[in-house]
Amino acid sequence: MCQACIVAEAYSLNVNWGDILFEKAIKDGSCDYVAEMVAAGHLTTEVFRAVVDRCVVCLFVVLF
């Protein structure tokens, strides 16, 4: 289980998993982190959509 998942659960934190996944998986290229998120049950449709939306925004900024 990812360290962020453990801390968030221990302290009952409301975490934006989409932002975390974008930073770790897309920007840093950590495929292991994606597997950890799946194992922890945090890779939901909403999280995946948040990551895709952020990728689209980044692409838009780069192109225009």
PDB file of N, CA and C in Angstrom:
ATOM      1  N   MET A   1       0.840  -1.179   0.000  1.00  0.00           N
ATOM      2  CA  MET A   1       0.000   0.000   0.000  1.00  0.00           C
ATOM      3  C   MET A   1       0.884   1.241   0.000  1.00  0.00           C
ATOM      4  N   CYS A   2       0.490   2.258  -0.761  1.00  0.00           N
ATOM      5  CA  CYS A   2       1.321   3.455  -0.868  1.00  0.00           C
ATOM      6  C   CYS A   2       1.366   4.196   0.469  1.00  0.00           C
ATOM      7  N   GLN A   3       2.468   4.878   0.713  1.00  0.00           N
ATOM      8  CA  GLN A   3       2.642   5.598   1.971  1.00  0.00           C
ATOM      9  C   GLN A   3       1.590   6.678   2.148  1.00  0.00           C
ATOM     10  N   ALA A   4       1.260   7.377   1.052  1.00  0.00           N
ATOM     11  CA  ALA A   4       0.231   8.416   1.132  1.00  0.00           C
ATOM     12  C   ALA A   4      -1.114   7.814   1.533  1.00  0.00           C
ATOM     13  N   CYS A   5      -1.402   6.621   1.036  1.00  0.00           N
ATOM     14  CA  CYS A   5      -2.657   5.942   1.376  1.00  0.00           C
ATOM     15  C   CYS A   5      -2.706   5.621   2.868  1.00  0.00           C
ATOM     16  N   ILE A   6      -1.606   5.150   3.396  1.00  0.00           N
ATOM     17  CA  ILE A   6      -1.526   4.792   4.810  1.00  0.00           C
ATOM     18  C   ILE A   6      -1.724   6.024   5.686  1.00  0.00           C
ATOM     19  N   VAL A   7      -1.031   7.106   5.358  1.00  0.00           N
ATOM     20  CA  VAL A   7      -1.128   8.338   6.145  1.00  0.00           C
ATOM     21  C   VAL A   7      -2.539   8.919   6.058  1.00  0.00           C
ATOM     22  N   ALA A   8      -3.090   8.961   4.841  1.00  0.00           N
ATOM     23  CA  ALA A   8      -4.435   9.512   4.655  1.00  0.00           C
ATOM     24  C   ALA A   8      -5.469   8.728   5.451  1.00  0.00           C
ATOM     25  N   GLU A   9      -5.332   7.415   5.437  1.00  0.00           N
ATOM     26  CA  GLU A   9      -6.264   6.572   6.172  1.00  0.00           C
ATOM     27  C   GLU A   9      -6.085   6.733   7.679  1.00  0.00           C
ATOM     28  N   ALA A  10      -4.848   6.791   8.131  1.00  0.00           N
ATOM     29  CA  ALA A  10      -4.564   6.895   9.564  1.00  0.00           C
ATOM     30  C   ALA A  10      -5.100   8.198  10.159  1.00  0.00           C
ATOM     31  N   TYR A  11      -5.015   9.275   9.397  1.00  0.00           N
ATOM     32  CA  TYR A  11      -5.439  10.579   9.895  1.00  0.00           C
ATOM     33  C   TYR A  11      -6.791  11.029   9.334  1.00  0.00           C
ATOM     34  N   SER A  12      -7.487  10.134   8.645  1.00  0.00           N
ATOM     35  CA  SER A  12      -8.800  10.430   8.053  1.00  0.00           C
ATOM     36  C   SER A  12      -8.765  11.701   7.205  1.00  0.00           C
ATOM     37  N   LEU A  13      -7.742  11.803   6.355  1.00  0.00           N
ATOM     38  CA  LEU A  13      -7.577  12.974   5.508  1.00  0.00           C
ATOM     39  C   LEU A  13      -8.425  12.851   4.245  1.00  0.00           C
ATOM     40  N   ASN A  14      -8.925  13.977   3.785  1.00  0.00           N
ATOM     41  CA  ASN A  14      -9.641  14.040   2.516  1.00  0.00           C
ATOM     42  C   ASN A  14      -8.605  14.374   1.446  1.00  0.00           C
ATOM     43  N   VAL A  15      -8.246  13.393   0.632  1.00  0.00           N
ATOM     44  CA  VAL A  15      -7.135  13.526  -0.303  1.00  0.00           C
ATOM     45  C   VAL A  15      -7.654  13.579  -1.738  1.00  0.00           C
ATOM     46  N   ASN A  16      -7.070  14.452  -2.543  1.00  0.00           N
ATOM     47  CA  ASN A  16      -7.376  14.504  -3.968  1.00  0.00           C
ATOM     48  C   ASN A  16      -6.442  13.508  -4.663  1.00  0.00           C
ATOM     49  N   TRP A  17      -6.903  12.280  -4.804  1.00  0.00           N
ATOM     50  CA  TRP A  17      -6.063  11.223  -5.367  1.00  0.00           C
ATOM     51  C   TRP A  17      -5.729  11.479  -6.829  1.00  0.00           C
ATOM     52  N   GLY A  18      -6.574  12.219  -7.522  1.00  0.00           N
ATOM     53  CA  GLY A  18      -6.294  12.562  -8.917  1.00  0.00           C
ATOM     54  C   GLY A  18      -5.034  13.399  -9.048  1.00  0.00           C
ATOM     55  N   ASP A  19      -4.887  14.401  -8.172  1.00  0.00           N
ATOM     56  CA  ASP A  19      -3.680  15.241  -8.190  1.00  0.00           C
ATOM     57  C   ASP A  19      -2.434  14.433  -7.842  1.00  0.00           C
ATOM     58  N   ILE A  20      -2.563  13.582  -6.844  1.00  0.00           N
ATOM     59  CA  ILE A  20      -1.410  12.776  -6.428  1.00  0.00           C
ATOM     60  C   ILE A  20      -1.007  11.810  -7.539  1.00  0.00           C
ATOM     61  N   LEU A  21      -1.991  11.162  -8.132  1.00  0.00           N
ATOM     62  CA  LEU A  21      -1.695  10.213  -9.203  1.00  0.00           C
ATOM     63  C   LEU A  21      -1.083  10.924 -10.407  1.00  0.00           C
ATOM     64  N   PHE A  22      -1.574  12.105 -10.732  1.00  0.00           N
ATOM     65  CA  PHE A  22      -0.998  12.876 -11.842  1.00  0.00           C
ATOM     66  C   PHE A  22       0.468  13.178 -11.571  1.00  0.00           C
ATOM     67  N   GLU A  23       0.766  13.666 -10.386  1.00  0.00           N
ATOM     68  CA  GLU A  23       2.154  14.020 -10.043  1.00  0.00           C
ATOM     69  C   GLU A  23       3.070  12.802 -10.077  1.00  0.00           C
ATOM     70  N   LYS A  24       2.631  11.715  -9.467  1.00  0.00           N
ATOM     71  CA  LYS A  24       3.483  10.524  -9.350  1.00  0.00           C
ATOM     72  C   LYS A  24       3.576   9.723 -10.647  1.00  0.00           C
ATOM     73  N   ALA A  25       2.436   9.484 -11.288  1.00  0.00           N
ATOM     74  CA  ALA A  25       2.421   8.596 -12.457  1.00  0.00           C
ATOM     75  C   ALA A  25       2.745   9.324 -13.752  1.00  0.00           C
ATOM     76  N   ILE A  26       2.137  10.482 -13.973  1.00  0.00           N
ATOM     77  CA  ILE A  26       2.320  11.181 -15.239  1.00  0.00           C
ATOM     78  C   ILE A  26       3.614  11.992 -15.237  1.00  0.00           C
ATOM     79  N   LYS A  27       3.779  12.843 -14.241  1.00  0.00           N
ATOM     80  CA  LYS A  27       4.960  13.713 -14.217  1.00  0.00           C
ATOM     81  C   LYS A  27       6.236  12.963 -13.850  1.00  0.00           C
ATOM     82  N   ASP A  28       6.141  12.067 -12.850  1.00  0.00           N
ATOM     83  CA  ASP A  28       7.337  11.346 -12.386  1.00  0.00           C
ATOM     84  C   ASP A  28       7.529  10.003 -13.084  1.00  0.00           C
ATOM     85  N   GLY A  29       6.495   9.497 -13.764  1.00  0.00           N
ATOM     86  CA  GLY A  29       6.591   8.237 -14.491  1.00  0.00           C
ATOM     87  C   GLY A  29       6.641   6.996 -13.613  1.00  0.00           C
ATOM     88  N   SER A  30       6.018   7.042 -12.443  1.00  0.00           N
ATOM     89  CA  SER A  30       6.053   5.915 -11.512  1.00  0.00           C
ATOM     90  C   SER A  30       4.869   4.972 -11.741  1.00  0.00           C
ATOM     91  N   CYS A  31       5.092   3.951 -12.557  1.00  0.00           N
ATOM     92  CA  CYS A  31       4.051   2.952 -12.805  1.00  0.00           C
ATOM     93  C   CYS A  31       3.755   2.132 -11.557  1.00  0.00           C
ATOM     94  N   ASP A  32       4.741   1.973 -10.697  1.00  0.00           N
ATOM     95  CA  ASP A  32       4.539   1.247  -9.439  1.00  0.00           C
ATOM     96  C   ASP A  32       3.482   1.935  -8.587  1.00  0.00           C
ATOM     97  N   TYR A  33       3.465   3.262  -8.642  1.00  0.00           N
ATOM     98  CA  TYR A  33       2.502   4.015  -7.841  1.00  0.00           C
ATOM     99  C   TYR A  33       1.078   3.713  -8.291  1.00  0.00           C
ATOM    100  N   VAL A  34       0.885   3.550  -9.597  1.00  0.00           N
ATOM    101  CA  VAL A  34      -0.443   3.214 -10.123  1.00  0.00           C
ATOM    102  C   VAL A  34      -0.879   1.865  -9.562  1.00  0.00           C
ATOM    103  N   ALA A  35       0.008   0.906  -9.570  1.00  0.00           N
ATOM    104  CA  ALA A  35      -0.304  -0.425  -9.037  1.00  0.00           C
ATOM    105  C   ALA A  35      -0.656  -0.344  -7.546  1.00  0.00           C
ATOM    106  N   GLU A  36       0.050   0.496  -6.804  1.00  0.00           N
ATOM    107  CA  GLU A  36      -0.236   0.665  -5.379  1.00  0.00           C
ATOM    108  C   GLU A  36      -1.607   1.309  -5.169  1.00  0.00           C
ATOM    109  N   MET A  37      -1.954   2.270  -6.019  1.00  0.00           N
ATOM    110  CA  MET A  37      -3.258   2.922  -5.922  1.00  0.00           C
ATOM    111  C   MET A  37      -4.379   1.926  -6.218  1.00  0.00           C
ATOM    112  N   VAL A  38      -4.170   1.062  -7.209  1.00  0.00           N
ATOM    113  CA  VAL A  38      -5.166   0.037  -7.547  1.00  0.00           C
ATOM    114  C   VAL A  38      -5.323  -0.920  -6.357  1.00  0.00           C
ATOM    115  N   ALA A  39      -4.208  -1.353  -5.804  1.00  0.00           N
ATOM    116  CA  ALA A  39      -4.248  -2.286  -4.676  1.00  0.00           C
ATOM    117  C   ALA A  39      -4.958  -1.676  -3.466  1.00  0.00           C
ATOM    118  N   ALA A  40      -4.800  -0.371  -3.271  1.00  0.00           N
ATOM    119  CA  ALA A  40      -5.426   0.312  -2.131  1.00  0.00           C
ATOM    120  C   ALA A  40      -6.891   0.642  -2.396  1.00  0.00           C
ATOM    121  N   GLY A  41      -7.332   0.461  -3.645  1.00  0.00           N
ATOM    122  CA  GLY A  41      -8.719   0.744  -3.987  1.00  0.00           C
ATOM    123  C   GLY A  41      -9.008   2.210  -4.238  1.00  0.00           C
ATOM    124  N   HIS A  42      -7.975   3.005  -4.507  1.00  0.00           N
ATOM    125  CA  HIS A  42      -8.147   4.440  -4.711  1.00  0.00           C
ATOM    126  C   HIS A  42      -8.217   4.840  -6.178  1.00  0.00           C
ATOM    127  N   LEU A  43      -8.051   3.900  -7.094  1.00  0.00           N
ATOM    128  CA  LEU A  43      -8.116   4.237  -8.516  1.00  0.00           C
ATOM    129  C   LEU A  43      -9.553   4.016  -9.000  1.00  0.00           C
ATOM    130  N   THR A  44     -10.356   5.034  -8.793  1.00  0.00           N
ATOM    131  CA  THR A  44     -11.764   4.985  -9.192  1.00  0.00           C
ATOM    132  C   THR A  44     -11.937   5.707 -10.527  1.00  0.00           C
ATOM    133  N   THR A  45     -13.135   5.632 -11.059  1.00  0.00           N
ATOM    134  CA  THR A  45     -13.440   6.345 -12.304  1.00  0.00           C
ATOM    135  C   THR A  45     -13.224   7.842 -12.128  1.00  0.00           C
ATOM    136  N   GLU A  46     -13.613   8.374 -10.984  1.00  0.00           N
ATOM    137  CA  GLU A  46     -13.468   9.799 -10.720  1.00  0.00           C
ATOM    138  C   GLU A  46     -12.008  10.213 -10.674  1.00  0.00           C
ATOM    139  N   VAL A  47     -11.182   9.395 -10.055  1.00  0.00           N
ATOM    140  CA  VAL A  47      -9.747   9.696  -9.976  1.00  0.00           C
ATOM    141  C   VAL A  47      -9.138   9.649 -11.370  1.00  0.00           C
ATOM    142  N   PHE A  48      -9.471   8.621 -12.120  1.00  0.00           N
ATOM    143  CA  PHE A  48      -8.948   8.487 -13.476  1.00  0.00           C
ATOM    144  C   PHE A  48      -9.369   9.677 -14.332  1.00  0.00           C
ATOM    145  N   ARG A  49     -10.622  10.094 -14.198  1.00  0.00           N
ATOM    146  CA  ARG A  49     -11.117  11.248 -14.959  1.00  0.00           C
ATOM    147  C   ARG A  49     -10.374  12.523 -14.556  1.00  0.00           C
ATOM    148  N   ALA A  50     -10.096  12.700 -13.279  1.00  0.00           N
ATOM    149  CA  ALA A  50      -9.363  13.881 -12.814  1.00  0.00           C
ATOM    150  C   ALA A  50      -7.961  13.921 -13.419  1.00  0.00           C
ATOM    151  N   VAL A  51      -7.314  12.767 -13.521  1.00  0.00           N
ATOM    152  CA  VAL A  51      -5.982  12.690 -14.125  1.00  0.00           C
ATOM    153  C   VAL A  51      -6.056  13.041 -15.612  1.00  0.00           C
ATOM    154  N   VAL A  52      -7.023  12.480 -16.307  1.00  0.00           N
ATOM    155  CA  VAL A  52      -7.177  12.765 -17.736  1.00  0.00           C
ATOM    156  C   VAL A  52      -7.477  14.240 -17.964  1.00  0.00           C
ATOM    157  N   ASP A  53      -8.354  14.810 -17.152  1.00  0.00           N
ATOM    158  CA  ASP A  53      -8.680  16.233 -17.281  1.00  0.00           C
ATOM    159  C   ASP A  53      -7.438  17.095 -17.095  1.00  0.00           C
ATOM    160  N   ARG A  54      -6.626  16.732 -16.146  1.00  0.00           N
ATOM    161  CA  ARG A  54      -5.402  17.500 -15.899  1.00  0.00           C
ATOM    162  C   ARG A  54      -4.416  17.354 -17.059  1.00  0.00           C
ATOM    163  N   CYS A  55      -4.352  16.182 -17.654  1.00  0.00           N
ATOM    164  CA  CYS A  55      -3.496  15.977 -18.827  1.00  0.00           C
ATOM    165  C   CYS A  55      -3.966  16.840 -19.995  1.00  0.00           C
ATOM    166  N   VAL A  56      -5.270  16.921 -20.178  1.00  0.00           N
ATOM    167  CA  VAL A  56      -5.829  17.739 -21.256  1.00  0.00           C
ATOM    168  C   VAL A  56      -5.486  19.202 -21.030  1.00  0.00           C
ATOM    169  N   VAL A  57      -5.600  19.676 -19.810  1.00  0.00           N
ATOM    170  CA  VAL A  57      -5.260  21.063 -19.500  1.00  0.00           C
ATOM    171  C   VAL A  57      -3.788  21.328 -19.794  1.00  0.00           C
ATOM    172  N   CYS A  58      -2.922  20.417 -19.378  1.00  0.00           N
ATOM    173  CA  CYS A  58      -1.490  20.580 -19.628  1.00  0.00           C
ATOM    174  C   CYS A  58      -1.190  20.603 -21.123  1.00  0.00           C
ATOM    175  N   LEU A  59      -1.828  19.751 -21.861  1.00  0.00           N
ATOM    176  CA  LEU A  59      -1.658  19.700 -23.304  1.00  0.00           C
ATOM    177  C   LEU A  59      -2.128  21.009 -23.945  1.00  0.00           C
ATOM    178  N   PHE A  60      -3.248  21.518 -23.488  1.00  0.00           N
ATOM    179  CA  PHE A  60      -3.783  22.781 -24.000  1.00  0.00           C
ATOM    180  C   PHE A  60      -2.798  23.916 -23.742  1.00  0.00           C
ATOM    181  N   VAL A  61      -2.237  23.953 -22.548  1.00  0.00           N
ATOM    182  CA  VAL A  61      -1.278  25.015 -22.196  1.00  0.00           C
ATOM    183  C   VAL A  61      -0.044  24.927 -23.080  1.00  0.00           C
ATOM    184  N   VAL A  62       0.432  23.732 -23.341  1.00  0.00           N
ATOM    185  CA  VAL A  62       1.621  23.551 -24.164  1.00  0.00           C
ATOM    186  C   VAL A  62       1.360  23.953 -25.614  1.00  0.00           C
ATOM    187  N   LEU A  63       0.187  23.612 -26.128  1.00  0.00           N
ATOM    188  CA  LEU A  63      -0.122  23.898 -27.526  1.00  0.00           C
ATOM    189  C   LEU A  63      -0.486  25.338 -27.788  1.00  0.00           C
ATOM    190  N   PHE A  64      -1.047  26.014 -26.797  1.00  0.00           N
ATOM    191  CA  PHE A  64      -1.488  27.376 -27.020  1.00  0.00           C
ATOM    192  C   PHE A  64      -0.781  28.276 -26.054  1.00  0.00           C
TER     193      PHE A  64
END
